């Protein structure tokens, strides 16, 4: 089970830190990630982190502004979001996958159906 939190309403340029608590499995054995979905749009990839936390991938739209991290000792995933823009407004979902190919294949990484577990989502709204 995944439980996301930390969303809110902020002004452009502000920062937010999303958290995702995991339970019911071996957290360190999953590749973890964040997706987001804006109204009327498809769910899109944001960031992915390896089981060890050493390797991370980002969508071009957030690269340099967002940082994904994980704490395997406490079964937690994070997304630090800086310099937020109105186009970052969306519901953000944490996700877990057993599909190791998400780390090596961009096509697989970007496809939501390759992820096994999803949190309930947390709303991020950025005003201009």
Protein backbone atom coordinates (compact mmCIF):
# COMPACT_ATOMS: atom_id res chain seq x y z
CA UNK A 1 0.00 0.00 0.00
CA UNK A 2 1.21 3.49 -0.89
CA UNK A 3 0.10 6.68 0.82
CA UNK A 4 1.09 10.01 -0.73
CA UNK A 5 1.02 13.33 1.08
CA UNK A 6 2.47 16.82 1.01
CA UNK A 7 0.52 18.47 -1.76
CA UNK A 8 -0.99 21.90 -1.49
CA UNK A 9 -1.63 25.30 -3.03
CA UNK A 10 1.47 27.42 -3.63
CA UNK A 11 2.54 30.35 -5.74
CA UNK A 12 4.81 30.03 -8.74
CA UNK A 13 8.44 29.80 -7.69
CA UNK A 14 7.68 28.08 -4.39
CA UNK A 15 8.73 24.64 -3.24
CA UNK A 16 6.90 21.58 -2.00
CA UNK A 17 8.05 18.19 -0.78
CA UNK A 18 5.86 15.20 -1.46
CA UNK A 19 6.14 12.06 0.62
CA UNK A 20 4.95 8.53 0.01
CA UNK A 21 4.79 5.94 2.78
CA UNK A 22 4.85 2.29 1.77
CA UNK A 23 3.56 -0.67 3.70
CA UNK A 24 2.87 -4.33 3.15
CA UNK A 25 5.88 -5.30 1.08
CA UNK A 26 9.65 -5.22 0.83
CA UNK A 27 10.11 -1.57 -0.09
CA UNK A 28 13.74 -1.88 -1.09
CA UNK A 29 12.92 -4.48 -3.73
CA UNK A 30 10.81 -2.08 -5.78
CA UNK A 31 11.75 0.56 -8.27
CA UNK A 32 9.78 3.64 -7.17
CA UNK A 33 8.46 6.59 -9.08
CA UNK A 34 6.15 9.56 -9.36
CA UNK A 35 3.59 10.29 -12.06
CA UNK A 36 1.20 13.19 -12.35
CA UNK A 37 -2.13 13.82 -14.01
CA UNK A 38 -3.58 17.20 -14.84
CA UNK A 39 -7.30 17.68 -15.58
CA UNK A 40 -8.17 16.43 -19.04
CA UNK A 41 -4.72 14.99 -19.62
CA UNK A 42 -3.18 11.54 -19.48
CA UNK A 43 -1.09 10.43 -16.55
CA UNK A 44 2.53 11.34 -17.24
CA UNK A 45 5.88 10.23 -15.90
CA UNK A 46 7.70 12.58 -13.54
CA UNK A 47 10.60 10.72 -11.93
CA UNK A 48 11.95 7.26 -11.15
CA UNK A 49 14.50 5.97 -8.68
CA UNK A 50 16.34 2.67 -8.49
CA UNK A 51 15.97 0.19 -5.64
CA UNK A 52 19.23 1.39 -4.08
CA UNK A 53 18.43 5.05 -4.60
CA UNK A 54 21.62 5.63 -6.56
CA UNK A 55 20.11 6.11 -10.02
CA UNK A 56 17.27 8.46 -10.92
CA UNK A 57 15.50 9.55 -14.08
CA UNK A 58 13.41 12.63 -14.69
CA UNK A 59 10.97 13.93 -17.24
CA UNK A 60 12.45 16.77 -19.25
CA UNK A 61 9.78 19.12 -17.93
CA UNK A 62 11.01 18.76 -14.33
CA UNK A 63 14.71 18.07 -14.76
CA UNK A 64 16.80 20.43 -12.68
CA UNK A 65 13.83 21.47 -10.52
CA UNK A 66 12.61 18.20 -8.97
CA UNK A 67 14.60 15.64 -7.00
CA UNK A 68 13.42 12.13 -6.20
CA UNK A 69 14.84 10.28 -3.21
CA UNK A 70 14.03 7.32 -1.01
CA UNK A 71 14.67 6.07 2.51
CA UNK A 72 14.68 2.29 2.46
CA UNK A 73 15.06 2.07 6.23
CA UNK A 74 11.77 3.91 6.72
CA UNK A 75 9.90 2.70 3.60
CA UNK A 76 9.53 6.23 2.28
CA UNK A 77 9.74 7.94 -1.10
CA UNK A 78 10.10 11.68 -1.61
CA UNK A 79 9.80 14.26 -4.35
CA UNK A 80 11.36 17.64 -3.68
CA UNK A 81 9.83 20.17 -6.06
CA UNK A 82 11.49 23.56 -6.44
CA UNK A 83 10.76 26.53 -8.69
CA UNK A 84 7.23 25.33 -9.21
CA UNK A 85 5.34 26.51 -12.27
CA UNK A 86 1.59 26.69 -12.98
CA UNK A 87 2.03 23.86 -15.48
CA UNK A 88 3.13 21.61 -12.62
CA UNK A 89 -0.45 21.69 -11.32
CA UNK A 90 -1.72 18.11 -11.18
CA UNK A 91 -2.53 15.21 -8.94
CA UNK A 92 0.75 13.49 -8.11
CA UNK A 93 0.86 9.72 -7.66
CA UNK A 94 3.59 7.58 -6.17
CA UNK A 95 4.07 4.20 -7.72
CA UNK A 96 6.06 1.01 -7.32
CA UNK A 97 7.12 -1.52 -9.89
CA UNK A 98 8.80 -4.91 -10.11
CA UNK A 99 9.60 -4.24 -13.77
CA UNK A 100 13.36 -3.78 -13.81
CA UNK A 101 13.19 -2.69 -17.43
CA UNK A 102 11.82 0.65 -16.25
CA UNK A 103 15.44 1.45 -15.40
CA UNK A 104 16.80 0.61 -18.85
CA UNK A 105 14.01 1.37 -21.29
CA UNK A 106 12.59 4.86 -21.73
CA UNK A 107 9.49 3.50 -23.44
CA UNK A 108 8.76 1.14 -20.57
CA UNK A 109 9.54 3.81 -17.98
CA UNK A 110 7.01 6.22 -19.44
CA UNK A 111 4.12 3.73 -19.61
CA UNK A 112 1.85 3.68 -16.53
CA UNK A 113 0.71 0.11 -17.14
CA UNK A 114 4.24 -1.11 -16.33
CA UNK A 115 3.80 -0.07 -12.71
CA UNK A 116 2.28 -2.46 -10.19
CA UNK A 117 1.09 -0.35 -7.28
CA UNK A 118 -0.27 3.18 -7.01
CA UNK A 119 -0.95 5.57 -4.19
CA UNK A 120 -4.15 7.57 -3.95
CA UNK A 121 -2.62 10.82 -5.23
CA UNK A 122 -1.99 14.22 -3.70
CA UNK A 123 -3.08 17.50 -5.31
CA UNK A 124 -0.49 20.12 -6.19
CA UNK A 125 -1.79 23.48 -7.36
CA UNK A 126 0.56 26.24 -8.45
CA UNK A 127 -0.91 29.70 -8.94
CA UNK A 128 0.65 32.30 -11.20
